[in-house]
Amino acid sequence: QGGLVLLSYMGAFLILFFAKNICGASYQNYVALLGAFALAGAYLFNLSLFKSSPNPPYELIMLPIVIAWTTLAIYFKTQLIGFIAVGAFEGLFGFVIWNGPCLLYTSDAAD
């Protein structure tokens, strides 16, 4: 299992390396965004395999993602990753846009 986690992190960093060193300037932001999402996915995969408690605190999940995305936004100098970093920062403090399924009816409605 540890090898899968290492492989997922290596894949994410390979995408980020590709974005910085190989891609042209017109595609760099989009490939870097893919790498940022891959890095968050690798971290969440790591948490799913090696969690110390059944329900880790939400801050433990979001804080490393905020730090990684903020660092990537500054490193790549892109507003695209910065925008999702700000969204993750707001999520760190409990702001949510959608919290559950949309209910269009209630069960106690008159028939």
PDB file of N, CA and C in Angstrom:
ATOM      1  N   GLN A   1       0.819  -1.207   0.000  1.00  0.00           N
ATOM      2  CA  GLN A   1       0.000   0.000   0.000  1.00  0.00           C
ATOM      3  C   GLN A   1       0.852   1.255   0.000  1.00  0.00           C
ATOM      4  N   GLY A   2       1.965   1.192   0.699  1.00  0.00           N
ATOM      5  CA  GLY A   2       2.845   2.354   0.714  1.00  0.00           C
ATOM      6  C   GLY A   2       3.421   2.666  -0.655  1.00  0.00           C
ATOM      7  N   GLY A   3       3.634   1.602  -1.459  1.00  0.00           N
ATOM      8  CA  GLY A   3       4.133   1.813  -2.810  1.00  0.00           C
ATOM      9  C   GLY A   3       3.129   2.530  -3.694  1.00  0.00           C
ATOM     10  N   LEU A   4       1.837   2.249  -3.489  1.00  0.00           N
ATOM     11  CA  LEU A   4       0.801   2.938  -4.260  1.00  0.00           C
ATOM     12  C   LEU A   4       0.741   4.418  -3.912  1.00  0.00           C
ATOM     13  N   VAL A   5       0.909   4.709  -2.628  1.00  0.00           N
ATOM     14  CA  VAL A   5       0.904   6.114  -2.204  1.00  0.00           C
ATOM     15  C   VAL A   5       2.112   6.841  -2.793  1.00  0.00           C
ATOM     16  N   LEU A   6       3.264   6.205  -2.735  1.00  0.00           N
ATOM     17  CA  LEU A   6       4.471   6.803  -3.312  1.00  0.00           C
ATOM     18  C   LEU A   6       4.311   7.002  -4.816  1.00  0.00           C
ATOM     19  N   LEU A   7       3.709   6.036  -5.479  1.00  0.00           N
ATOM     20  CA  LEU A   7       3.473   6.144  -6.913  1.00  0.00           C
ATOM     21  C   LEU A   7       2.516   7.290  -7.250  1.00  0.00           C
ATOM     22  N   SER A   8       1.496   7.493  -6.415  1.00  0.00           N
ATOM     23  CA  SER A   8       0.561   8.593  -6.677  1.00  0.00           C
ATOM     24  C   SER A   8       1.219   9.954  -6.466  1.00  0.00           C
ATOM     25  N   TYR A   9       2.047  10.076  -5.435  1.00  0.00           N
ATOM     26  CA  TYR A   9       2.781  11.335  -5.241  1.00  0.00           C
ATOM     27  C   TYR A   9       3.775  11.576  -6.366  1.00  0.00           C
ATOM     28  N   MET A  10       4.452  10.518  -6.808  1.00  0.00           N
ATOM     29  CA  MET A  10       5.402  10.675  -7.906  1.00  0.00           C
ATOM     30  C   MET A  10       4.704  11.095  -9.190  1.00  0.00           C
ATOM     31  N   GLY A  11       3.513  10.557  -9.425  1.00  0.00           N
ATOM     32  CA  GLY A  11       2.744  10.963 -10.602  1.00  0.00           C
ATOM     33  C   GLY A  11       2.354  12.424 -10.542  1.00  0.00           C
ATOM     34  N   ALA A  12       1.938  12.888  -9.361  1.00  0.00           N
ATOM     35  CA  ALA A  12       1.560  14.290  -9.207  1.00  0.00           C
ATOM     36  C   ALA A  12       2.762  15.209  -9.425  1.00  0.00           C
ATOM     37  N   PHE A  13       3.894  14.855  -8.834  1.00  0.00           N
ATOM     38  CA  PHE A  13       5.082  15.689  -9.008  1.00  0.00           C
ATOM     39  C   PHE A  13       5.624  15.616 -10.434  1.00  0.00           C
ATOM     40  N   LEU A  14       5.422  14.498 -11.098  1.00  0.00           N
ATOM     41  CA  LEU A  14       5.824  14.397 -12.500  1.00  0.00           C
ATOM     42  C   LEU A  14       4.990  15.331 -13.370  1.00  0.00           C
ATOM     43  N   ILE A  15       3.709  15.428 -13.090  1.00  0.00           N
ATOM     44  CA  ILE A  15       2.852  16.367 -13.829  1.00  0.00           C
ATOM     45  C   ILE A  15       3.307  17.798 -13.574  1.00  0.00           C
ATOM     46  N   LEU A  16       3.627  18.124 -12.325  1.00  0.00           N
ATOM     47  CA  LEU A  16       4.087  19.478 -12.005  1.00  0.00           C
ATOM     48  C   LEU A  16       5.450  19.771 -12.646  1.00  0.00           C
ATOM     49  N   PHE A  17       6.333  18.794 -12.681  1.00  0.00           N
ATOM     50  CA  PHE A  17       7.619  18.963 -13.355  1.00  0.00           C
ATOM     51  C   PHE A  17       7.409  19.192 -14.849  1.00  0.00           C
ATOM     52  N   PHE A  18       6.500  18.432 -15.428  1.00  0.00           N
ATOM     53  CA  PHE A  18       6.182  18.584 -16.841  1.00  0.00           C
ATOM     54  C   PHE A  18       5.630  19.978 -17.123  1.00  0.00           C
ATOM     55  N   ALA A  19       4.774  20.475 -16.196  1.00  0.00           N
ATOM     56  CA  ALA A  19       4.190  21.802 -16.389  1.00  0.00           C
ATOM     57  C   ALA A  19       5.253  22.891 -16.347  1.00  0.00           C
ATOM     58  N   LYS A  20       6.211  22.768 -15.460  1.00  0.00           N
ATOM     59  CA  LYS A  20       7.196  23.832 -15.299  1.00  0.00           C
ATOM     60  C   LYS A  20       8.288  23.785 -16.358  1.00  0.00           C
ATOM     61  N   ASN A  21       8.745  22.596 -16.736  1.00  0.00           N
ATOM     62  CA  ASN A  21       9.942  22.502 -17.560  1.00  0.00           C
ATOM     63  C   ASN A  21       9.703  22.144 -19.018  1.00  0.00           C
ATOM     64  N   ILE A  22       8.590  21.515 -19.336  1.00  0.00           N
ATOM     65  CA  ILE A  22       8.404  21.011 -20.691  1.00  0.00           C
ATOM     66  C   ILE A  22       7.289  21.747 -21.428  1.00  0.00           C
ATOM     67  N   CYS A  23       6.192  22.064 -20.733  1.00  0.00           N
ATOM     68  CA  CYS A  23       5.051  22.701 -21.404  1.00  0.00           C
ATOM     69  C   CYS A  23       5.388  24.126 -21.830  1.00  0.00           C
ATOM     70  N   GLY A  24       4.716  24.573 -22.864  1.00  0.00           N
ATOM     71  CA  GLY A  24       4.839  25.956 -23.279  1.00  0.00           C
ATOM     72  C   GLY A  24       4.072  26.869 -22.345  1.00  0.00           C
ATOM     73  N   ALA A  25       4.269  28.139 -22.504  1.00  0.00           N
ATOM     74  CA  ALA A  25       3.641  29.114 -21.605  1.00  0.00           C
ATOM     75  C   ALA A  25       2.122  29.130 -21.734  1.00  0.00           C
ATOM     76  N   SER A  26       1.609  28.793 -22.911  1.00  0.00           N
ATOM     77  CA  SER A  26       0.154  28.851 -23.094  1.00  0.00           C
ATOM     78  C   SER A  26      -0.565  27.708 -22.393  1.00  0.00           C
ATOM     79  N   TYR A  27       0.114  26.576 -22.175  1.00  0.00           N
ATOM     80  CA  TYR A  27      -0.517  25.433 -21.522  1.00  0.00           C
ATOM     81  C   TYR A  27      -0.052  25.213 -20.093  1.00  0.00           C
ATOM     82  N   GLN A  28       0.899  25.986 -19.637  1.00  0.00           N
ATOM     83  CA  GLN A  28       1.515  25.735 -18.337  1.00  0.00           C
ATOM     84  C   GLN A  28       0.511  25.817 -17.194  1.00  0.00           C
ATOM     85  N   ASN A  29      -0.368  26.814 -17.210  1.00  0.00           N
ATOM     86  CA  ASN A  29      -1.315  26.970 -16.107  1.00  0.00           C
ATOM     87  C   ASN A  29      -2.272  25.796 -16.005  1.00  0.00           C
ATOM     88  N   TYR A  30      -2.697  25.269 -17.147  1.00  0.00           N
ATOM     89  CA  TYR A  30      -3.676  24.182 -17.136  1.00  0.00           C
ATOM     90  C   TYR A  30      -3.049  22.863 -16.702  1.00  0.00           C
ATOM     91  N   VAL A  31      -1.837  22.625 -17.125  1.00  0.00           N
ATOM     92  CA  VAL A  31      -1.151  21.406 -16.694  1.00  0.00           C
ATOM     93  C   VAL A  31      -0.791  21.509 -15.212  1.00  0.00           C
ATOM     94  N   ALA A  32      -0.420  22.703 -14.761  1.00  0.00           N
ATOM     95  CA  ALA A  32      -0.138  22.900 -13.343  1.00  0.00           C
ATOM     96  C   ALA A  32      -1.404  22.716 -12.503  1.00  0.00           C
ATOM     97  N   LEU A  33      -2.553  23.129 -13.022  1.00  0.00           N
ATOM     98  CA  LEU A  33      -3.809  22.900 -12.315  1.00  0.00           C
ATOM     99  C   LEU A  33      -4.098  21.407 -12.194  1.00  0.00           C
ATOM    100  N   LEU A  34      -3.848  20.670 -13.256  1.00  0.00           N
ATOM    101  CA  LEU A  34      -3.997  19.214 -13.202  1.00  0.00           C
ATOM    102  C   LEU A  34      -3.054  18.617 -12.167  1.00  0.00           C
ATOM    103  N   GLY A  35      -1.838  19.112 -12.099  1.00  0.00           N
ATOM    104  CA  GLY A  35      -0.891  18.641 -11.098  1.00  0.00           C
ATOM    105  C   GLY A  35      -1.318  18.983  -9.681  1.00  0.00           C
ATOM    106  N   ALA A  36      -1.929  20.149  -9.503  1.00  0.00           N
ATOM    107  CA  ALA A  36      -2.418  20.532  -8.174  1.00  0.00           C
ATOM    108  C   ALA A  36      -3.548  19.607  -7.728  1.00  0.00           C
ATOM    109  N   PHE A  37      -4.448  19.290  -8.644  1.00  0.00           N
ATOM    110  CA  PHE A  37      -5.519  18.357  -8.305  1.00  0.00           C
ATOM    111  C   PHE A  37      -4.963  16.953  -8.064  1.00  0.00           C
ATOM    112  N   ALA A  38      -3.953  16.560  -8.825  1.00  0.00           N
ATOM    113  CA  ALA A  38      -3.335  15.251  -8.621  1.00  0.00           C
ATOM    114  C   ALA A  38      -2.627  15.179  -7.273  1.00  0.00           C
ATOM    115  N   LEU A  39      -2.012  16.281  -6.856  1.00  0.00           N
ATOM    116  CA  LEU A  39      -1.349  16.317  -5.556  1.00  0.00           C
ATOM    117  C   LEU A  39      -2.368  16.190  -4.423  1.00  0.00           C
ATOM    118  N   ALA A  40      -3.490  16.880  -4.555  1.00  0.00           N
ATOM    119  CA  ALA A  40      -4.545  16.753  -3.544  1.00  0.00           C
ATOM    120  C   ALA A  40      -5.130  15.345  -3.545  1.00  0.00           C
ATOM    121  N   GLY A  41      -5.280  14.763  -4.730  1.00  0.00           N
ATOM    122  CA  GLY A  41      -5.778  13.397  -4.808  1.00  0.00           C
ATOM    123  C   GLY A  41      -4.825  12.397  -4.178  1.00  0.00           C
ATOM    124  N   ALA A  42      -3.539  12.598  -4.372  1.00  0.00           N
ATOM    125  CA  ALA A  42      -2.541  11.710  -3.759  1.00  0.00           C
ATOM    126  C   ALA A  42      -2.588  11.835  -2.237  1.00  0.00           C
ATOM    127  N   TYR A  43      -2.768  13.049  -1.740  1.00  0.00           N
ATOM    128  CA  TYR A  43      -2.851  13.243  -0.295  1.00  0.00           C
ATOM    129  C   TYR A  43      -4.110  12.583   0.269  1.00  0.00           C
ATOM    130  N   LEU A  44      -5.245  12.743  -0.406  1.00  0.00           N
ATOM    131  CA  LEU A  44      -6.477  12.118   0.076  1.00  0.00           C
ATOM    132  C   LEU A  44      -6.403  10.596  -0.028  1.00  0.00           C
ATOM    133  N   PHE A  45      -5.716  10.087  -1.045  1.00  0.00           N
ATOM    134  CA  PHE A  45      -5.490   8.648  -1.149  1.00  0.00           C
ATOM    135  C   PHE A  45      -4.632   8.162   0.010  1.00  0.00           C
ATOM    136  N   ASN A  46      -3.626   8.948   0.378  1.00  0.00           N
ATOM    137  CA  ASN A  46      -2.783   8.631   1.515  1.00  0.00           C
ATOM    138  C   ASN A  46      -3.611   8.591   2.795  1.00  0.00           C
ATOM    139  N   LEU A  47      -4.488   9.563   2.973  1.00  0.00           N
ATOM    140  CA  LEU A  47      -5.334   9.578   4.169  1.00  0.00           C
ATOM    141  C   LEU A  47      -6.293   8.401   4.208  1.00  0.00           C
ATOM    142  N   SER A  48      -6.804   8.012   3.056  1.00  0.00           N
ATOM    143  CA  SER A  48      -7.761   6.907   3.036  1.00  0.00           C
ATOM    144  C   SER A  48      -7.102   5.579   3.391  1.00  0.00           C
ATOM    145  N   LEU A  49      -5.831   5.419   3.065  1.00  0.00           N
ATOM    146  CA  LEU A  49      -5.148   4.165   3.386  1.00  0.00           C
ATOM    147  C   LEU A  49      -4.602   4.127   4.801  1.00  0.00           C
ATOM    148  N   PHE A  50      -4.076   5.237   5.269  1.00  0.00           N
ATOM    149  CA  PHE A  50      -3.394   5.260   6.565  1.00  0.00           C
ATOM    150  C   PHE A  50      -4.042   6.263   7.501  1.00  0.00           C
ATOM    151  N   LYS A  51      -5.300   6.095   7.822  1.00  0.00           N
ATOM    152  CA  LYS A  51      -5.900   7.037   8.760  1.00  0.00           C
ATOM    153  C   LYS A  51      -5.769   6.519  10.189  1.00  0.00           C
ATOM    154  N   SER A  52      -5.449   7.445  11.080  1.00  0.00           N
ATOM    155  CA  SER A  52      -5.239   7.071  12.475  1.00  0.00           C
ATOM    156  C   SER A  52      -6.533   7.013  13.249  1.00  0.00           C
ATOM    157  N   SER A  53      -7.550   7.724  12.808  1.00  0.00           N
ATOM    158  CA  SER A  53      -8.855   7.698  13.469  1.00  0.00           C
ATOM    159  C   SER A  53      -9.924   7.499  12.402  1.00  0.00           C
ATOM    160  N   PRO A  54     -11.090   6.993  12.795  1.00  0.00           N
ATOM    161  CA  PRO A  54     -12.128   6.764  11.781  1.00  0.00           C
ATOM    162  C   PRO A  54     -12.609   8.047  11.110  1.00  0.00           C
ATOM    163  N   ASN A  55     -12.680   9.135  11.838  1.00  0.00           N
ATOM    164  CA  ASN A  55     -13.104  10.419  11.286  1.00  0.00           C
ATOM    165  C   ASN A  55     -12.081  11.488  11.646  1.00  0.00           C
ATOM    166  N   PRO A  56     -11.084  11.685  10.791  1.00  0.00           N
ATOM    167  CA  PRO A  56     -10.094  12.727  11.117  1.00  0.00           C
ATOM    168  C   PRO A  56     -10.733  14.108  11.048  1.00  0.00           C
ATOM    169  N   PRO A  57     -10.217  15.054  11.818  1.00  0.00           N
ATOM    170  CA  PRO A  57     -10.791  16.400  11.780  1.00  0.00           C
ATOM    171  C   PRO A  57     -10.655  17.021  10.391  1.00  0.00           C
ATOM    172  N   TYR A  58     -11.624  17.837  10.060  1.00  0.00           N
ATOM    173  CA  TYR A  58     -11.672  18.459   8.744  1.00  0.00           C
ATOM    174  C   TYR A  58     -10.456  19.343   8.498  1.00  0.00           C
ATOM    175  N   GLU A  59      -9.954  19.977   9.545  1.00  0.00           N
ATOM    176  CA  GLU A  59      -8.783  20.838   9.408  1.00  0.00           C
ATOM    177  C   GLU A  59      -7.547  20.026   9.026  1.00  0.00           C
ATOM    178  N   LEU A  60      -7.451  18.810   9.535  1.00  0.00           N
ATOM    179  CA  LEU A  60      -6.321  17.952   9.189  1.00  0.00           C
ATOM    180  C   LEU A  60      -6.343  17.593   7.711  1.00  0.00           C
ATOM    181  N   ILE A  61      -7.528  17.514   7.147  1.00  0.00           N
ATOM    182  CA  ILE A  61      -7.651  17.185   5.736  1.00  0.00           C
ATOM    183  C   ILE A  61      -7.346  18.409   4.867  1.00  0.00           C
ATOM    184  N   MET A  62      -7.861  19.570   5.241  1.00  0.00           N
ATOM    185  CA  MET A  62      -7.778  20.737   4.369  1.00  0.00           C
ATOM    186  C   MET A  62      -6.475  21.527   4.478  1.00  0.00           C
ATOM    187  N   LEU A  63      -5.860  21.574   5.647  1.00  0.00           N
ATOM    188  CA  LEU A  63      -4.692  22.435   5.833  1.00  0.00           C
ATOM    189  C   LEU A  63      -3.519  22.087   4.908  1.00  0.00           C
ATOM    190  N   PRO A  64      -3.124  20.831   4.756  1.00  0.00           N
ATOM    191  CA  PRO A  64      -2.026  20.557   3.811  1.00  0.00           C
ATOM    192  C   PRO A  64      -2.391  20.883   2.364  1.00  0.00           C
ATOM    193  N   ILE A  65      -3.655  20.723   2.001  1.00  0.00           N
ATOM    194  CA  ILE A  65      -4.076  21.066   0.642  1.00  0.00           C
ATOM    195  C   ILE A  65      -3.975  22.573   0.427  1.00  0.00           C
ATOM    196  N   VAL A  66      -4.387  23.357   1.422  1.00  0.00           N
ATOM    197  CA  VAL A  66      -4.286  24.821   1.324  1.00  0.00           C
ATOM    198  C   VAL A  66      -2.827  25.240   1.187  1.00  0.00           C
ATOM    199  N   ILE A  67      -1.961  24.658   2.002  1.00  0.00           N
ATOM    200  CA  ILE A  67      -0.543  25.019   1.943  1.00  0.00           C
ATOM    201  C   ILE A  67       0.061  24.634   0.594  1.00  0.00           C
ATOM    202  N   ALA A  68      -0.253  23.442   0.103  1.00  0.00           N
ATOM    203  CA  ALA A  68       0.303  22.990  -1.177  1.00  0.00           C
ATOM    204  C   ALA A  68      -0.204  23.840  -2.326  1.00  0.00           C
ATOM    205  N   TRP A  69      -1.495  24.109  -2.373  1.00  0.00           N
ATOM    206  CA  TRP A  69      -2.044  24.892  -3.482  1.00  0.00           C
ATOM    207  C   TRP A  69      -1.575  26.341  -3.444  1.00  0.00           C
ATOM    208  N   THR A  70      -1.420  26.913  -2.251  1.00  0.00           N
ATOM    209  CA  THR A  70      -0.910  28.285  -2.147  1.00  0.00           C
ATOM    210  C   THR A  70       0.542  28.347  -2.625  1.00  0.00           C
ATOM    211  N   THR A  71       1.328  27.364  -2.232  1.00  0.00           N
ATOM    212  CA  THR A  71       2.720  27.311  -2.679  1.00  0.00           C
ATOM    213  C   THR A  71       2.803  27.151  -4.194  1.00  0.00           C
ATOM    214  N   LEU A  72       1.959  26.294  -4.760  1.00  0.00           N
ATOM    215  CA  LEU A  72       1.964  26.106  -6.206  1.00  0.00           C
ATOM    216  C   LEU A  72       1.511  27.358  -6.944  1.00  0.00           C
ATOM    217  N   ALA A  73       0.531  28.070  -6.380  1.00  0.00           N
ATOM    218  CA  ALA A  73       0.059  29.307  -7.025  1.00  0.00           C
ATOM    219  C   ALA A  73       1.157  30.354  -7.057  1.00  0.00           C
ATOM    220  N   ILE A  74       1.928  30.451  -5.993  1.00  0.00           N
ATOM    221  CA  ILE A  74       3.030  31.409  -5.965  1.00  0.00           C
ATOM    222  C   ILE A  74       4.166  30.943  -6.881  1.00  0.00           C
ATOM    223  N   TYR A  75       4.451  29.663  -6.883  1.00  0.00           N
ATOM    224  CA  TYR A  75       5.552  29.133  -7.697  1.00  0.00           C
ATOM    225  C   TYR A  75       5.274  29.278  -9.188  1.00  0.00           C
ATOM    226  N   PHE A  76       4.051  28.942  -9.597  1.00  0.00           N
ATOM    227  CA  PHE A  76       3.711  29.039 -11.014  1.00  0.00           C
ATOM    228  C   PHE A  76       3.198  30.423 -11.408  1.00  0.00           C
ATOM    229  N   LYS A  77       2.973  31.305 -10.437  1.00  0.00           N
ATOM    230  CA  LYS A  77       2.474  32.665 -10.670  1.00  0.00           C
ATOM    231  C   LYS A  77       1.184  32.643 -11.492  1.00  0.00           C
ATOM    232  N   THR A  78       0.232  31.829 -11.033  1.00  0.00           N
ATOM    233  CA  THR A  78      -1.024  31.696 -11.748  1.00  0.00           C
ATOM    234  C   THR A  78      -2.199  31.997 -10.830  1.00  0.00           C
ATOM    235  N   GLN A  79      -3.156  32.723 -11.366  1.00  0.00           N
ATOM    236  CA  GLN A  79      -4.366  33.038 -10.608  1.00  0.00           C
ATOM    237  C   GLN A  79      -5.325  31.858 -10.580  1.00  0.00           C
ATOM    238  N   LEU A  80      -5.175  30.945 -11.505  1.00  0.00           N
ATOM    239  CA  LEU A  80      -6.062  29.795 -11.589  1.00  0.00           C
ATOM    240  C   LEU A  80      -5.917  28.901 -10.356  1.00  0.00           C
ATOM    241  N   ILE A  81      -4.702  28.560 -10.005  1.00  0.00           N
ATOM    242  CA  ILE A  81      -4.468  27.760  -8.805  1.00  0.00           C
ATOM    243  C   ILE A  81      -4.699  28.607  -7.557  1.00  0.00           C
ATOM    244  N   GLY A  82      -4.406  29.886  -7.632  1.00  0.00           N
ATOM    245  CA  GLY A  82      -4.665  30.776  -6.502  1.00  0.00           C
ATOM    246  C   GLY A  82      -6.139  30.847  -6.161  1.00  0.00           C
ATOM    247  N   PHE A  83      -6.981  30.799  -7.173  1.00  0.00           N
ATOM    248  CA  PHE A  83      -8.420  30.846  -6.938  1.00  0.00           C
ATOM    249  C   PHE A  83      -8.890  29.608  -6.181  1.00  0.00           C
ATOM    250  N   ILE A  84      -8.412  28.430  -6.574  1.00  0.00           N
ATOM    251  CA  ILE A  84      -8.837  27.241  -5.846  1.00  0.00           C
ATOM    252  C   ILE A  84      -8.170  27.168  -4.476  1.00  0.00           C
ATOM    253  N   ALA A  85      -6.996  27.786  -4.319  1.00  0.00           N
ATOM    254  CA  ALA A  85      -6.363  27.829  -3.002  1.00  0.00           C
ATOM    255  C   ALA A  85      -7.175  28.692  -2.045  1.00  0.00           C
ATOM    256  N   VAL A  86      -7.711  29.792  -2.543  1.00  0.00           N
ATOM    257  CA  VAL A  86      -8.569  30.632  -1.700  1.00  0.00           C
ATOM    258  C   VAL A  86      -9.857  29.891  -1.345  1.00  0.00           C
ATOM    259  N   GLY A  87     -10.410  29.144  -2.306  1.00  0.00           N
ATOM    260  CA  GLY A  87     -11.599  28.339  -2.010  1.00  0.00           C
ATOM    261  C   GLY A  87     -11.322  27.272  -0.965  1.00  0.00           C
ATOM    262  N   ALA A  88     -10.155  26.637  -1.042  1.00  0.00           N
ATOM    263  CA  ALA A  88      -9.781  25.644  -0.035  1.00  0.00           C
ATOM    264  C   ALA A  88      -9.534  26.309   1.319  1.00  0.00           C
ATOM    265  N   PHE A  89      -8.991  27.529   1.299  1.00  0.00           N
ATOM    266  CA  PHE A  89      -8.771  28.264   2.551  1.00  0.00           C
ATOM    267  C   PHE A  89     -10.100  28.609   3.215  1.00  0.00           C
ATOM    268  N   GLU A  90     -11.085  29.003   2.415  1.00  0.00           N
ATOM    269  CA  GLU A  90     -12.410  29.263   2.975  1.00  0.00           C
ATOM    270  C   GLU A  90     -13.044  27.979   3.490  1.00  0.00           C
ATOM    271  N   GLY A  91     -12.814  26.876   2.794  1.00  0.00           N
ATOM    272  CA  GLY A  91     -13.323  25.595   3.256  1.00  0.00           C
ATOM    273  C   GLY A  91     -12.670  25.149   4.542  1.00  0.00           C
ATOM    274  N   LEU A  92     -11.435  25.554   4.749  1.00  0.00           N
ATOM    275  CA  LEU A  92     -10.738  25.235   5.990  1.00  0.00           C
ATOM    276  C   LEU A  92     -11.460  25.824   7.195  1.00  0.00           C
ATOM    277  N   PHE A  93     -12.057  26.990   7.008  1.00  0.00           N
ATOM    278  CA  PHE A  93     -12.756  27.641   8.108  1.00  0.00           C
ATOM    279  C   PHE A  93     -14.247  27.338   8.138  1.00  0.00           C
ATOM    280  N   GLY A  94     -14.682  26.382   7.339  1.00  0.00           N
ATOM    281  CA  GLY A  94     -16.047  25.912   7.450  1.00  0.00           C
ATOM    282  C   GLY A  94     -17.022  26.438   6.426  1.00  0.00           C
ATOM    283  N   PHE A  95     -16.586  27.250   5.485  1.00  0.00           N
ATOM    284  CA  PHE A  95     -17.500  27.746   4.465  1.00  0.00           C
ATOM    285  C   PHE A  95     -17.737  26.646   3.447  1.00  0.00           C
ATOM    286  N   VAL A  96     -18.999  26.309   3.235  1.00  0.00           N
ATOM    287  CA  VAL A  96     -19.343  25.291   2.244  1.00  0.00           C
ATOM    288  C   VAL A  96     -20.382  25.861   1.300  1.00  0.00           C
ATOM    289  N   ILE A  97     -20.329  25.418   0.063  1.00  0.00           N
ATOM    290  CA  ILE A  97     -21.300  25.867  -0.926  1.00  0.00           C
ATOM    291  C   ILE A  97     -22.483  24.926  -0.969  1.00  0.00           C
ATOM    292  N   TRP A  98     -22.222  23.638  -0.828  1.00  0.00           N
ATOM    293  CA  TRP A  98     -23.269  22.640  -0.925  1.00  0.00           C
ATOM    294  C   TRP A  98     -23.023  21.582   0.130  1.00  0.00           C
ATOM    295  N   ASN A  99     -24.043  21.261   0.897  1.00  0.00           N
ATOM    296  CA  ASN A  99     -23.859  20.336   2.004  1.00  0.00           C
ATOM    297  C   ASN A  99     -24.968  19.299   2.009  1.00  0.00           C
ATOM    298  N   GLY A 100     -24.969  18.412   1.054  1.00  0.00           N
ATOM    299  CA  GLY A 100     -25.953  17.345   1.035  1.00  0.00           C
ATOM    300  C   GLY A 100     -26.832  17.401  -0.189  1.00  0.00           C
ATOM    301  N   PRO A 101     -27.719  16.431  -0.298  1.00  0.00           N
ATOM    302  CA  PRO A 101     -28.573  16.383  -1.487  1.00  0.00           C
ATOM    303  C   PRO A 101     -29.639  17.482  -1.475  1.00  0.00           C
ATOM    304  N   CYS A 102     -30.047  17.875  -2.649  1.00  0.00           N
ATOM    305  CA  CYS A 102     -31.109  18.870  -2.775  1.00  0.00           C
ATOM    306  C   CYS A 102     -32.445  18.165  -2.648  1.00  0.00           C
ATOM    307  N   LEU A 103     -33.258  18.616  -1.745  1.00  0.00           N
ATOM    308  CA  LEU A 103     -34.576  18.022  -1.554  1.00  0.00           C
ATOM    309  C   LEU A 103     -35.608  18.904  -2.240  1.00  0.00           C
ATOM    310  N   LEU A 104     -36.326  18.334  -3.166  1.00  0.00           N
ATOM    311  CA  LEU A 104     -37.334  19.094  -3.899  1.00  0.00           C
ATOM    312  C   LEU A 104     -38.722  18.908  -3.319  1.00  0.00           C
ATOM    313  N   TYR A 105     -38.855  17.992  -2.412  1.00  0.00           N
ATOM    314  CA  TYR A 105     -40.153  17.738  -1.791  1.00  0.00           C
ATOM    315  C   TYR A 105     -39.918  17.274  -0.360  1.00  0.00           C
ATOM    316  N   THR A 106     -40.930  17.311   0.433  1.00  0.00           N
ATOM    317  CA  THR A 106     -40.857  16.778   1.790  1.00  0.00           C
ATOM    318  C   THR A 106     -41.779  15.583   1.899  1.00  0.00           C
ATOM    319  N   SER A 107     -41.437  14.690   2.804  1.00  0.00           N
ATOM    320  CA  SER A 107     -42.221  13.458   2.914  1.00  0.00           C
ATOM    321  C   SER A 107     -43.557  13.686   3.623  1.00  0.00           C
ATOM    322  N   ASP A 108     -43.671  14.782   4.365  1.00  0.00           N
ATOM    323  CA  ASP A 108     -44.930  15.040   5.064  1.00  0.00           C
ATOM    324  C   ASP A 108     -45.871  15.953   4.276  1.00  0.00           C
ATOM    325  N   ALA A 109     -45.606  16.106   3.002  1.00  0.00           N
ATOM    326  CA  ALA A 109     -46.476  16.930   2.164  1.00  0.00           C
ATOM    327  C   ALA A 109     -47.816  16.226   1.967  1.00  0.00           C
ATOM    328  N   ALA A 110     -48.858  17.009   1.819  1.00  0.00           N
ATOM    329  CA  ALA A 110     -50.198  16.425   1.618  1.00  0.00           C
ATOM    330  C   ALA A 110     -50.275  15.786   0.239  1.00  0.00           C
ATOM    331  N   ASP A 111     -50.907  14.647   0.195  1.00  0.00           N
ATOM    332  CA  ASP A 111     -51.031  13.931  -1.085  1.00  0.00           C
ATOM    333  C   ASP A 111     -52.150  14.464  -1.909  1.00  0.00           C
TER     334      ASP A 111
END
